[in-house]
C-alpha atoms as a PDB file:
ATOM      1  CA  MET A   1      -4.191   6.164   4.974  1.00  0.00           C
ATOM      2  CA  LEU A   2      -1.400   4.066   3.045  1.00  0.00           C
ATOM      3  CA  ASP A   3       1.798   5.167   1.237  1.00  0.00           C
ATOM      4  CA  GLU A   4       2.235   4.327  -2.301  1.00  0.00           C
ATOM      5  CA  GLY A   5       3.340   0.849  -1.386  1.00  0.00           C
ATOM      6  CA  GLY A   6       0.563  -0.074   0.725  1.00  0.00           C
ATOM      7  CA  ARG A   7       1.865   0.530   3.826  1.00  0.00           C
ATOM      8  CA  VAL A   8       0.371   2.691   6.912  1.00  0.00           C
ATOM      9  CA  SER A   9       1.564   6.331   6.361  1.00  0.00           C
ATOM     10  CA  ARG A  10       3.013   8.684   8.806  1.00  0.00           C
ATOM     11  CA  VAL A  11      -0.125  10.534   9.333  1.00  0.00           C
ATOM     12  CA  ALA A  12      -1.878   7.055  10.262  1.00  0.00           C
ATOM     13  CA  ILE A  13       0.812   5.903  12.465  1.00  0.00           C
ATOM     14  CA  ASN A  14       0.523   9.140  14.427  1.00  0.00           C
ATOM     15  CA  LEU A  15      -3.033   8.757  15.052  1.00  0.00           C
ATOM     16  CA  LEU A  16      -2.877   4.969  16.238  1.00  0.00           C
ATOM     17  CA  THR A  17      -3.854   4.657  19.981  1.00  0.00           C
ATOM     18  CA  LEU A  18      -3.902   0.692  19.804  1.00  0.00           C
ATOM     19  CA  THR A  19      -1.092  -1.334  20.476  1.00  0.00           C
ATOM     20  CA  LEU A  20      -1.591  -3.296  17.176  1.00  0.00           C
ATOM     21  CA  THR A  21      -2.751  -2.336  13.510  1.00  0.00           C
ATOM     22  CA  VAL A  22      -3.769  -4.659  10.662  1.00  0.00           C
ATOM     23  CA  LEU A  23      -2.275  -4.033   7.426  1.00  0.00           C
ATOM     24  CA  PRO A  24      -4.410  -4.711   4.117  1.00  0.00           C
ATOM     25  CA  SER A  25      -1.923  -7.684   3.530  1.00  0.00           C
ATOM     26  CA  GLY A  26      -2.749  -9.358   6.833  1.00  0.00           C
ATOM     27  CA  ALA A  27       0.376  -8.637   8.372  1.00  0.00           C
ATOM     28  CA  VAL A  28       0.633  -7.372  11.894  1.00  0.00           C
ATOM     29  CA  ALA A  29       2.431  -4.145  12.202  1.00  0.00           C
ATOM     30  CA  GLN A  30       3.440  -2.888  15.618  1.00  0.00           C
ATOM     31  CA  SER A  31       2.473   0.769  16.185  1.00  0.00           C
ATOM     32  CA  ARG A  32       4.336   3.217  18.701  1.00  0.00           C
ATOM     33  CA  GLY A  33       5.082   1.999  22.026  1.00  0.00           C
ATOM     34  CA  ALA A  34       6.624  -1.405  20.856  1.00  0.00           C
ATOM     35  CA  TYR A  35       9.898  -0.659  22.440  1.00  0.00           C
ATOM     36  CA  GLU A  36      12.734  -2.616  23.915  1.00  0.00           C
ATOM     37  CA  GLU A  37      13.114  -1.673  27.454  1.00  0.00           C
ATOM     38  CA  VAL A  38      17.095  -1.414  27.435  1.00  0.00           C
ATOM     39  CA  PRO A  39      20.030   1.106  28.075  1.00  0.00           C
ATOM     40  CA  GLU A  40      20.032   4.208  26.071  1.00  0.00           C
ATOM     41  CA  LEU A  41      22.515   3.556  23.077  1.00  0.00           C
ATOM     42  CA  ALA A  42      25.063   6.528  23.418  1.00  0.00           C
ATOM     43  CA  TYR A  43      24.330   8.236  20.029  1.00  0.00           C
ATOM     44  CA  ILE A  44      22.625  11.675  19.130  1.00  0.00           C
ATOM     45  CA  ALA A  45      20.883  12.324  16.013  1.00  0.00           C
ATOM     46  CA  VAL A  46      22.204  14.987  13.493  1.00  0.00           C
ATOM     47  CA  ALA A  47      19.861  17.282  11.653  1.00  0.00           C
ATOM     48  CA  ASP A  48      20.230  17.663   8.133  1.00  0.00           C
ATOM     49  CA  PRO A  49      22.955  15.095   7.422  1.00  0.00           C
ATOM     50  CA  LEU A  50      22.647  15.292   3.628  1.00  0.00           C
ATOM     51  CA  GLU A  51      23.211  18.122   1.360  1.00  0.00           C
ATOM     52  CA  VAL A  52      20.916  17.642  -1.524  1.00  0.00           C
ATOM     53  CA  PRO A  53      21.140  19.981  -4.502  1.00  0.00           C
ATOM     54  CA  PRO A  54      17.446  21.714  -5.426  1.00  0.00           C
ATOM     55  CA  GLU A  55      18.013  19.957  -8.861  1.00  0.00           C
ATOM     56  CA  VAL A  56      18.206  16.625  -6.989  1.00  0.00           C
ATOM     57  CA  THR A  57      15.109  14.916  -5.920  1.00  0.00           C
ATOM     58  CA  LEU A  58      15.410  12.452  -3.166  1.00  0.00           C
ATOM     59  CA  GLY A  59      12.596   9.963  -3.166  1.00  0.00           C
ATOM     60  CA  PRO A  60      11.430   8.127  -0.152  1.00  0.00           C
ATOM     61  CA  SER A  61      14.580   6.346   0.918  1.00  0.00           C
ATOM     62  CA  SER A  62      14.417   2.387   1.087  1.00  0.00           C
ATOM     63  CA  SER A  63      18.057   1.362   1.872  1.00  0.00           C
ATOM     64  CA  VAL A  64      21.519   2.704   2.615  1.00  0.00           C
ATOM     65  CA  ALA A  65      24.943   1.287   2.453  1.00  0.00           C
ATOM     66  CA  ILE A  66      28.756   2.785   2.906  1.00  0.00           C
ATOM     67  CA  ASP A  67      31.450   1.766   0.691  1.00  0.00           C
ATOM     68  CA  HIS A  68      35.046   1.521   1.840  1.00  0.00           C
ATOM     69  CA  GLU A  69      35.739   4.915   1.517  1.00  0.00           C
ATOM     70  CA  GLY A  70      32.858   6.092   3.624  1.00  0.00           C
ATOM     71  CA  SER A  71      30.869   7.375   0.731  1.00  0.00           C
ATOM     72  CA  LEU A  72      27.279   6.699   1.720  1.00  0.00           C
ATOM     73  CA  TYR A  73      24.709   5.306  -1.034  1.00  0.00           C
ATOM     74  CA  VAL A  74      21.013   5.977  -0.887  1.00  0.00           C
ATOM     75  CA  PHE A  75      18.597   3.825  -2.597  1.00  0.00           C
ATOM     76  CA  HIS A  76      15.455   5.569  -2.824  1.00  0.00           C
ATOM     77  CA  ARG A  77      11.949   5.682  -4.650  1.00  0.00           C
ATOM     78  CA  GLY A  78      12.420   8.821  -6.994  1.00  0.00           C
ATOM     79  CA  PRO A  79      14.473   9.851 -10.157  1.00  0.00           C
ATOM     80  CA  ASN A  80      17.839   8.067 -10.472  1.00  0.00           C
ATOM     81  CA  PRO A  81      17.337   5.924  -7.360  1.00  0.00           C
ATOM     82  CA  LEU A  82      20.896   5.461  -6.658  1.00  0.00           C
ATOM     83  CA  ALA A  83      22.402   8.553  -5.123  1.00  0.00           C
ATOM     84  CA  ARG A  84      26.068   8.686  -3.593  1.00  0.00           C
ATOM     85  CA  PHE A  85      27.259  11.368  -1.065  1.00  0.00           C
ATOM     86  CA  ASP A  86      30.592  11.650   0.331  1.00  0.00           C
ATOM     87  CA  ARG A  87      31.661  11.537   4.165  1.00  0.00           C
ATOM     88  CA  GLN A  88      30.426  14.940   4.545  1.00  0.00           C
ATOM     89  CA  GLY A  89      27.159  14.208   3.227  1.00  0.00           C
ATOM     90  CA  ARG A  90      27.842  16.305  -0.064  1.00  0.00           C
ATOM     91  CA  PHE A  91      26.068  14.941  -3.007  1.00  0.00           C
ATOM     92  CA  VAL A  92      28.507  13.511  -5.697  1.00  0.00           C
ATOM     93  CA  HIS A  93      26.225  11.841  -8.295  1.00  0.00           C
ATOM     94  CA  ALA A  94      22.957   9.872  -9.001  1.00  0.00           C
ATOM     95  CA  PHE A  95      21.910   7.421 -11.605  1.00  0.00           C
ATOM     96  CA  GLY A  96      19.609   4.298 -12.267  1.00  0.00           C
ATOM     97  CA  ASP A  97      16.833   5.522 -14.102  1.00  0.00           C
ATOM     98  CA  ASP A  98      17.432   3.347 -17.088  1.00  0.00           C
ATOM     99  CA  LEU A  99      17.717   0.141 -14.971  1.00  0.00           C
ATOM    100  CA  GLY A 100      14.102  -0.841 -14.783  1.00  0.00           C
ATOM    101  CA  PHE A 101      13.512  -0.273 -10.886  1.00  0.00           C
ATOM    102  CA  GLU A 102       9.693  -0.222  -9.841  1.00  0.00           C
ATOM    103  CA  ARG A 103       9.976  -0.121  -6.036  1.00  0.00           C
ATOM    104  CA  PRO A 104      13.360  -0.139  -4.955  1.00  0.00           C
ATOM    105  CA  HIS A 105      13.860  -1.905  -1.712  1.00  0.00           C
ATOM    106  CA  GLY A 106      17.701  -3.536  -0.363  1.00  0.00           C
ATOM    107  CA  LEU A 107      20.888  -2.172  -1.284  1.00  0.00           C
ATOM    108  CA  ARG A 108      24.356  -3.789  -0.143  1.00  0.00           C
ATOM    109  CA  ILE A 109      28.015  -3.266  -1.251  1.00  0.00           C
ATOM    110  CA  ASP A 110      30.542  -6.251  -1.793  1.00  0.00           C
ATOM    111  CA  GLU A 111      33.891  -6.415  -0.770  1.00  0.00           C
ATOM    112  CA  ASP A 112      35.010  -5.269  -4.242  1.00  0.00           C
ATOM    113  CA  GLY A 113      32.799  -2.165  -4.068  1.00  0.00           C
ATOM    114  CA  ASN A 114      29.971  -3.376  -6.303  1.00  0.00           C
ATOM    115  CA  LEU A 115      26.532  -2.463  -5.634  1.00  0.00           C
ATOM    116  CA  TRP A 116      23.760  -5.091  -5.013  1.00  0.00           C
ATOM    117  CA  VAL A 117      20.128  -3.683  -5.238  1.00  0.00           C
ATOM    118  CA  THR A 118      16.806  -5.534  -5.242  1.00  0.00           C
ATOM    119  CA  ASP A 119      13.395  -4.477  -6.494  1.00  0.00           C
ATOM    120  CA  VAL A 120      10.605  -6.266  -4.686  1.00  0.00           C
ATOM    121  CA  ARG A 121       8.083  -5.275  -7.653  1.00  0.00           C
ATOM    122  CA  ALA A 122      10.302  -5.854 -10.596  1.00  0.00           C
ATOM    123  CA  HIS A 123      11.614  -9.209  -8.801  1.00  0.00           C
ATOM    124  CA  PHE A 124      15.312  -9.076  -9.751  1.00  0.00           C
ATOM    125  CA  VAL A 125      18.599  -8.743  -7.911  1.00  0.00           C
ATOM    126  CA  MET A 126      21.377  -6.568  -9.772  1.00  0.00           C
ATOM    127  CA  LYS A 127      24.918  -6.427  -9.170  1.00  0.00           C
ATOM    128  CA  LEU A 128      26.397  -2.890 -10.699  1.00  0.00           C
ATOM    129  CA  SER A 129      30.000  -1.271 -10.486  1.00  0.00           C
ATOM    130  CA  PRO A 130      30.288   1.693  -8.425  1.00  0.00           C
ATOM    131  CA  GLU A 131      29.731   4.041 -11.806  1.00  0.00           C
ATOM    132  CA  GLY A 132      26.522   1.780 -12.604  1.00  0.00           C
ATOM    133  CA  GLU A 133      27.650  -0.929 -14.972  1.00  0.00           C
ATOM    134  CA  VAL A 134      25.392  -3.796 -14.874  1.00  0.00           C
ATOM    135  CA  LEU A 135      27.404  -6.954 -14.013  1.00  0.00           C
ATOM    136  CA  MET A 136      24.955  -9.525 -13.090  1.00  0.00           C
ATOM    137  CA  THR A 137      21.035 -10.030 -12.802  1.00  0.00           C
ATOM    138  CA  LEU A 138      19.389 -12.687 -10.633  1.00  0.00           C
ATOM    139  CA  GLY A 139      15.741 -13.124 -11.641  1.00  0.00           C
ATOM    140  CA  VAL A 140      13.975 -11.576 -14.853  1.00  0.00           C
ATOM    141  CA  PRO A 141      12.933  -8.301 -14.438  1.00  0.00           C
ATOM    142  CA  GLY A 142       9.292  -7.727 -14.652  1.00  0.00           C
ATOM    143  CA  ARG A 143       8.384 -11.635 -13.930  1.00  0.00           C
ATOM    144  CA  ASP A 144       7.497 -13.271 -10.601  1.00  0.00           C
ATOM    145  CA  GLY A 145       7.925 -16.766 -10.190  1.00  0.00           C
ATOM    146  CA  VAL A 146       9.730 -20.010  -9.001  1.00  0.00           C
ATOM    147  CA  TRP A 147      13.624 -20.644  -9.136  1.00  0.00           C
ATOM    148  CA  ASP A 148      13.822 -24.201 -10.147  1.00  0.00           C
ATOM    149  CA  GLU A 149      17.011 -25.481 -12.199  1.00  0.00           C
ATOM    150  CA  ALA A 150      15.429 -28.473 -13.193  1.00  0.00           C
ATOM    151  CA  SER A 151      12.780 -26.814 -15.379  1.00  0.00           C
ATOM    152  CA  GLY A 152      15.054 -23.928 -16.263  1.00  0.00           C
ATOM    153  CA  SER A 153      12.873 -21.542 -14.461  1.00  0.00           C
ATOM    154  CA  ARG A 154      15.082 -18.644 -12.699  1.00  0.00           C
ATOM    155  CA  TYR A 155      12.648 -16.404 -11.275  1.00  0.00           C
ATOM    156  CA  LEU A 156      12.526 -14.376  -8.064  1.00  0.00           C
ATOM    157  CA  SER A 157       9.547 -13.381  -6.173  1.00  0.00           C
ATOM    158  CA  GLU A 158       9.869 -10.049  -4.431  1.00  0.00           C
ATOM    159  CA  PRO A 159      13.598 -10.220  -3.355  1.00  0.00           C
ATOM    160  CA  ASN A 160      14.108  -8.049  -0.085  1.00  0.00           C
ATOM    161  CA  ASP A 161      17.819  -8.091   0.582  1.00  0.00           C
ATOM    162  CA  ILE A 162      21.329  -9.533  -0.159  1.00  0.00           C
ATOM    163  CA  ALA A 163      24.042 -11.074   1.804  1.00  0.00           C
ATOM    164  CA  PHE A 164      27.745 -12.761   0.887  1.00  0.00           C
ATOM    165  CA  GLY A 165      28.932 -15.795   2.370  1.00  0.00           C
ATOM    166  CA  PRO A 166      32.996 -16.112   3.251  1.00  0.00           C
ATOM    167  CA  ASP A 167      33.338 -17.846  -0.251  1.00  0.00           C
ATOM    168  CA  GLY A 168      31.516 -15.300  -2.219  1.00  0.00           C
ATOM    169  CA  GLU A 169      28.136 -16.859  -2.019  1.00  0.00           C
ATOM    170  CA  ILE A 170      25.126 -14.884  -2.451  1.00  0.00           C
ATOM    171  CA  PHE A 171      22.167 -15.255  -0.086  1.00  0.00           C
ATOM    172  CA  VAL A 172      18.758 -13.536  -1.171  1.00  0.00           C
ATOM    173  CA  ALA A 173      16.056 -13.115   1.196  1.00  0.00           C
ATOM    174  CA  GLN A 174      12.758 -12.932  -0.680  1.00  0.00           C
ATOM    175  CA  GLY A 175       9.005 -12.779  -0.039  1.00  0.00           C
ATOM    176  CA  HIS A 176       7.266  -9.372   0.635  1.00  0.00           C
ATOM    177  CA  GLY A 177       3.714 -10.011   1.561  1.00  0.00           C
ATOM    178  CA  SER A 178       2.839 -11.947  -2.081  1.00  0.00           C
ATOM    179  CA  GLY A 179       5.700 -13.900  -2.787  1.00  0.00           C
ATOM    180  CA  GLU A 180       6.702 -17.075  -0.885  1.00  0.00           C
ATOM    181  CA  PRO A 181       9.094 -16.117   1.665  1.00  0.00           C
ATOM    182  CA  GLY A 182      12.634 -17.836   2.130  1.00  0.00           C
ATOM    183  CA  VAL A 183      16.463 -17.538   1.332  1.00  0.00           C
ATOM    184  CA  LEU A 184      17.965 -18.642  -1.702  1.00  0.00           C
ATOM    185  CA  LYS A 185      21.981 -19.164  -1.840  1.00  0.00           C
ATOM    186  CA  PHE A 186      23.874 -18.909  -5.131  1.00  0.00           C
ATOM    187  CA  ASP A 187      27.350 -19.364  -5.767  1.00  0.00           C
ATOM    188  CA  ARG A 188      29.758 -16.371  -6.790  1.00  0.00           C
ATOM    189  CA  ASP A 189      28.585 -16.753 -10.713  1.00  0.00           C
ATOM    190  CA  GLY A 190      24.885 -16.773  -9.749  1.00  0.00           C
ATOM    191  CA  ARG A 191      24.403 -20.688  -9.791  1.00  0.00           C
ATOM    192  CA  LEU A 192      21.892 -21.894  -7.018  1.00  0.00           C
ATOM    193  CA  LEU A 193      23.336 -23.947  -4.601  1.00  0.00           C
ATOM    194  CA  THR A 194      20.356 -24.337  -2.206  1.00  0.00           C
ATOM    195  CA  SER A 195      17.401 -22.743  -0.724  1.00  0.00           C
ATOM    196  CA  TRP A 196      15.105 -22.913   2.404  1.00  0.00           C
ATOM    197  CA  GLY A 197      11.830 -21.546   4.013  1.00  0.00           C
ATOM    198  CA  ARG A 198       8.523 -20.924   3.100  1.00  0.00           C
ATOM    199  CA  GLN A 199       5.171 -19.087   4.689  1.00  0.00           C
ATOM    200  CA  GLY A 200       4.696 -19.668   8.213  1.00  0.00           C
ATOM    201  CA  THR A 201       5.559 -19.331  12.349  1.00  0.00           C
ATOM    202  CA  GLY A 202       7.475 -22.615  12.587  1.00  0.00           C
ATOM    203  CA  ILE A 203      11.305 -23.168  12.614  1.00  0.00           C
ATOM    204  CA  GLY A 204      12.700 -22.272   9.176  1.00  0.00           C
ATOM    205  CA  GLU A 205       9.580 -20.710   8.103  1.00  0.00           C
ATOM    206  CA  PHE A 206       9.007 -16.928   7.579  1.00  0.00           C
ATOM    207  CA  ASP A 207       6.369 -14.335   7.169  1.00  0.00           C
ATOM    208  CA  ILE A 208       8.318 -11.580   5.203  1.00  0.00           C
ATOM    209  CA  ALA A 209      11.938 -12.261   5.276  1.00  0.00           C
ATOM    210  CA  HIS A 210      12.933  -8.862   5.323  1.00  0.00           C
ATOM    211  CA  SER A 211      16.827  -8.574   5.915  1.00  0.00           C
ATOM    212  CA  ILE A 212      19.836 -10.823   5.838  1.00  0.00           C
ATOM    213  CA  VAL A 213      23.497 -10.729   7.132  1.00  0.00           C
ATOM    214  CA  VAL A 214      26.318 -13.239   7.327  1.00  0.00           C
ATOM    215  CA  ASP A 215      28.244 -12.664  10.563  1.00  0.00           C
ATOM    216  CA  TRP A 216      31.727 -13.065  11.256  1.00  0.00           C
ATOM    217  CA  ARG A 217      31.274 -16.636  12.264  1.00  0.00           C
ATOM    218  CA  GLY A 218      29.544 -17.555   8.897  1.00  0.00           C
ATOM    219  CA  GLN A 219      26.023 -17.583  10.746  1.00  0.00           C
ATOM    220  CA  VAL A 220      23.305 -16.312   8.572  1.00  0.00           C
ATOM    221  CA  HIS A 221      20.910 -14.144  10.284  1.00  0.00           C
ATOM    222  CA  VAL A 222      17.361 -13.661   8.632  1.00  0.00           C
ATOM    223  CA  ALA A 223      14.976 -10.884   9.889  1.00  0.00           C
ATOM    224  CA  ASP A 224      11.570 -12.515   9.997  1.00  0.00           C
ATOM    225  CA  ARG A 225       9.623  -9.508  10.174  1.00  0.00           C
ATOM    226  CA  GLU A 226       5.915 -10.233  10.908  1.00  0.00           C
ATOM    227  CA  ASN A 227       7.198 -12.956  13.197  1.00  0.00           C
ATOM    228  CA  GLN A 228       8.693 -10.543  15.135  1.00  0.00           C
ATOM    229  CA  ARG A 229      11.971 -12.516  15.335  1.00  0.00           C
ATOM    230  CA  VAL A 230      15.416 -13.268  13.695  1.00  0.00           C
ATOM    231  CA  GLN A 231      16.336 -16.764  12.894  1.00  0.00           C
ATOM    232  CA  VAL A 232      19.855 -17.832  12.577  1.00  0.00           C
ATOM    233  CA  PHE A 233      21.180 -20.585  10.122  1.00  0.00           C
ATOM    234  CA  ASP A 234      24.421 -22.333   9.330  1.00  0.00           C
ATOM    235  CA  LEU A 235      25.335 -21.415   5.619  1.00  0.00           C
ATOM    236  CA  ASP A 236      23.464 -24.372   4.413  1.00  0.00           C
ATOM    237  CA  GLY A 237      20.091 -23.560   5.819  1.00  0.00           C
ATOM    238  CA  ASN A 238      20.279 -25.632   9.009  1.00  0.00           C
ATOM    239  CA  PHE A 239      18.759 -23.926  11.855  1.00  0.00           C
ATOM    240  CA  ILE A 240      20.904 -22.721  14.822  1.00  0.00           C
ATOM    241  CA  ARG A 241      18.421 -20.311  17.051  1.00  0.00           C
ATOM    242  CA  GLN A 242      16.049 -17.438  16.839  1.00  0.00           C
ATOM    243  CA  ARG A 243      15.176 -14.608  19.113  1.00  0.00           C
ATOM    244  CA  SER A 244      12.031 -12.614  19.513  1.00  0.00           C
ATOM    245  CA  TYR A 245      11.775  -8.643  19.576  1.00  0.00           C
ATOM    246  CA  ALA A 246       9.124  -6.272  20.689  1.00  0.00           C
ATOM    247  CA  GLY A 247       8.914  -4.351  17.317  1.00  0.00           C
ATOM    248  CA  LEU A 248       9.319  -5.301  13.629  1.00  0.00           C
ATOM    249  CA  PRO A 249      12.737  -6.410  12.834  1.00  0.00           C
ATOM    250  CA  CYS A 250      13.323  -5.000   9.650  1.00  0.00           C
ATOM    251  CA  GLY A 251      17.067  -4.336   8.755  1.00  0.00           C
ATOM    252  CA  LEU A 252      20.263  -5.759   9.878  1.00  0.00           C
ATOM    253  CA  VAL A 253      23.867  -4.835   9.695  1.00  0.00           C
ATOM    254  CA  VAL A 254      27.251  -6.225  10.686  1.00  0.00           C
ATOM    255  CA  ARG A 255      30.297  -4.016  11.426  1.00  0.00           C
ATOM    256  CA  GLY A 256      33.198  -6.103  12.619  1.00  0.00           C
ATOM    257  CA  ASP A 257      31.921  -8.179  15.600  1.00  0.00           C
ATOM    258  CA  ASP A 258      29.104  -5.671  15.971  1.00  0.00           C
ATOM    259  CA  MET A 259      25.619  -6.031  14.786  1.00  0.00           C
ATOM    260  CA  TYR A 260      22.702  -3.570  14.685  1.00  0.00           C
ATOM    261  CA  MET A 261      19.563  -3.727  13.647  1.00  0.00           C
ATOM    262  CA  VAL A 262      16.486  -1.349  13.048  1.00  0.00           C
ATOM    263  CA  SER A 263      12.952  -1.943  14.313  1.00  0.00           C
ATOM    264  CA  GLY A 264      10.213  -0.731  11.957  1.00  0.00           C
ATOM    265  CA  TYR A 265       7.569   1.510  13.031  1.00  0.00           C
ATOM    266  CA  SER A 266       8.784   1.529  16.437  1.00  0.00           C
ATOM    267  CA  GLY A 267      11.832   3.450  15.234  1.00  0.00           C
ATOM    268  CA  GLN A 268      14.490   1.872  17.356  1.00  0.00           C
ATOM    269  CA  ILE A 269      17.952   1.248  16.711  1.00  0.00           C
ATOM    270  CA  LEU A 270      19.303  -1.671  18.493  1.00  0.00           C
ATOM    271  CA  ARG A 271      22.712  -2.812  19.163  1.00  0.00           C
ATOM    272  CA  LEU A 272      22.791  -6.418  19.322  1.00  0.00           C
ATOM    273  CA  ASP A 273      25.328  -8.891  21.213  1.00  0.00           C
ATOM    274  CA  ALA A 274      26.430 -11.911  19.491  1.00  0.00           C
ATOM    275  CA  GLU A 275      23.512 -14.013  20.232  1.00  0.00           C
ATOM    276  CA  GLY A 276      21.276 -11.469  19.184  1.00  0.00           C
ATOM    277  CA  GLY A 277      20.485 -10.026  22.673  1.00  0.00           C
ATOM    278  CA  VAL A 278      19.616  -6.281  22.709  1.00  0.00           C
ATOM    279  CA  LEU A 279      22.468  -4.391  24.472  1.00  0.00           C
ATOM    280  CA  ALA A 280      21.155  -0.597  23.735  1.00  0.00           C
ATOM    281  CA  ALA A 281      18.565   1.110  21.827  1.00  0.00           C
ATOM    282  CA  THR A 282      17.932   4.736  20.690  1.00  0.00           C
ATOM    283  CA  GLY A 283      15.084   6.199  18.206  1.00  0.00           C
ATOM    284  CA  ARG A 284      11.254   6.223  18.333  1.00  0.00           C
ATOM    285  CA  SER A 285       8.481   6.734  16.135  1.00  0.00           C
ATOM    286  CA  GLY A 286       7.619  10.353  15.339  1.00  0.00           C
ATOM    287  CA  GLU A 287       8.501  13.374  12.882  1.00  0.00           C
ATOM    288  CA  GLY A 288      11.286  15.123  14.543  1.00  0.00           C
ATOM    289  CA  ILE A 289      14.961  14.747  14.343  1.00  0.00           C
ATOM    290  CA  GLY A 290      16.147  11.204  14.953  1.00  0.00           C
ATOM    291  CA  GLU A 291      12.484   9.805  15.062  1.00  0.00           C
ATOM    292  CA  PHE A 292      10.882   7.644  11.974  1.00  0.00           C
ATOM    293  CA  GLY A 293       7.726   6.755  10.128  1.00  0.00           C
ATOM    294  CA  GLU A 294       9.564   3.415   9.571  1.00  0.00           C
ATOM    295  CA  ALA A 295      13.118   2.555  10.369  1.00  0.00           C
ATOM    296  CA  HIS A 296      13.973   0.273   7.295  1.00  0.00           C
ATOM    297  CA  TYR A 297      17.454  -0.255   6.550  1.00  0.00           C
ATOM    298  CA  ILE A 298      20.556   0.550   8.395  1.00  0.00           C
ATOM    299  CA  ALA A 299      24.395   1.337   7.680  1.00  0.00           C
ATOM    300  CA  VAL A 300      27.268   2.027  10.013  1.00  0.00           C
ATOM    301  CA  GLY A 301      30.277   4.216   8.488  1.00  0.00           C
ATOM    302  CA  LEU A 302      33.970   4.272   9.373  1.00  0.00           C
ATOM    303  CA  ALA A 303      33.507   6.785  12.414  1.00  0.00           C
ATOM    304  CA  ASN A 304      30.670   4.299  13.600  1.00  0.00           C
ATOM    305  CA  GLU A 305      28.302   6.906  12.452  1.00  0.00           C
ATOM    306  CA  ILE A 306      24.746   5.300  11.730  1.00  0.00           C
ATOM    307  CA  TYR A 307      22.511   5.860   8.857  1.00  0.00           C
ATOM    308  CA  VAL A 308      18.864   4.894   8.753  1.00  0.00           C
ATOM    309  CA  ALA A 309      16.703   4.958   5.609  1.00  0.00           C
ATOM    310  CA  ASP A 310      12.901   5.628   6.388  1.00  0.00           C
ATOM    311  CA  PRO A 311      10.567   5.273   3.372  1.00  0.00           C
ATOM    312  CA  VAL A 312       7.623   6.234   5.259  1.00  0.00           C
ATOM    313  CA  GLY A 313       9.183   9.723   6.664  1.00  0.00           C
ATOM    314  CA  ARG A 314      11.323   9.954   3.592  1.00  0.00           C
ATOM    315  CA  GLN A 315      14.409  10.997   4.799  1.00  0.00           C
ATOM    316  CA  VAL A 316      17.826   9.794   5.783  1.00  0.00           C
ATOM    317  CA  GLU A 317      18.466  10.037   9.599  1.00  0.00           C
ATOM    318  CA  LYS A 318      22.294  10.285  10.703  1.00  0.00           C
ATOM    319  CA  PHE A 319      23.237   9.471  14.506  1.00  0.00           C
ATOM    320  CA  VAL A 320      26.675   9.868  15.712  1.00  0.00           C
ATOM    321  CA  PRO A 321      28.274   8.543  19.006  1.00  0.00           C
ATOM    322  CA  ARG A 322      28.285  11.086  21.944  1.00  0.00           C
END
């Protein structure tokens, strides 16, 4: 039983009794029970965190991000796929039907408050103003291919996520099962500076480069999902270290000196130390409050509240400190 993206559905996940299940793409997905055995993260889940008006349809949520005012943006797979909510979870507005999205995936907000979104089926990264004006597009919407400045080929292949360097560099993690996985680094104006990665299990290789962040030290963390690890590089793509995890590293976020990660089908929210070690965790797979079909991407708010997008369970979950 699969959702529209070819993933194992919530029902199928709940029926699994084995430790592993193999997806049609050949990727190995952890079932329930692939948990980090660490202290409990001192957070509790909040029921019904978002007030969605009856006239608004919120599709399966792919990603979440929080701006400098504390507003929450939800990137979802429904009509007008960019929805904004205020700090109290009240709906503000939604937009994006006219932007050519086919399968919304990643969402980030830069230091100027601009939105950056990725689409893994339409193969583009788009920079938007908070009002929805298109400011930059990387890749050619609807075209899958290779970025090669020498030949003038400027295509992306299943871009998943975006991160920003200390000088405004743009890092794009791409490859979602069909496209060659890797990282592309652009300057602030969208000119390619370097790239690294390919399919594989070795150092600097990836099996779905699913999420990417740049930390306070200028180190680039890439969630190498199906290899069940996070690889860390310098700003030029030189390998520094890696760390393996019990589940599938899906989404990373940096907030000040803290880093958090969500772990796919196991549904855990992990707080990490500077080297990627797991300090504490909460959440699990399931259908209840604070449980997940797939913990996909994560955002941390001004009061340290945590939001997680779940495209299998459809909802957005919210956790607050105890």
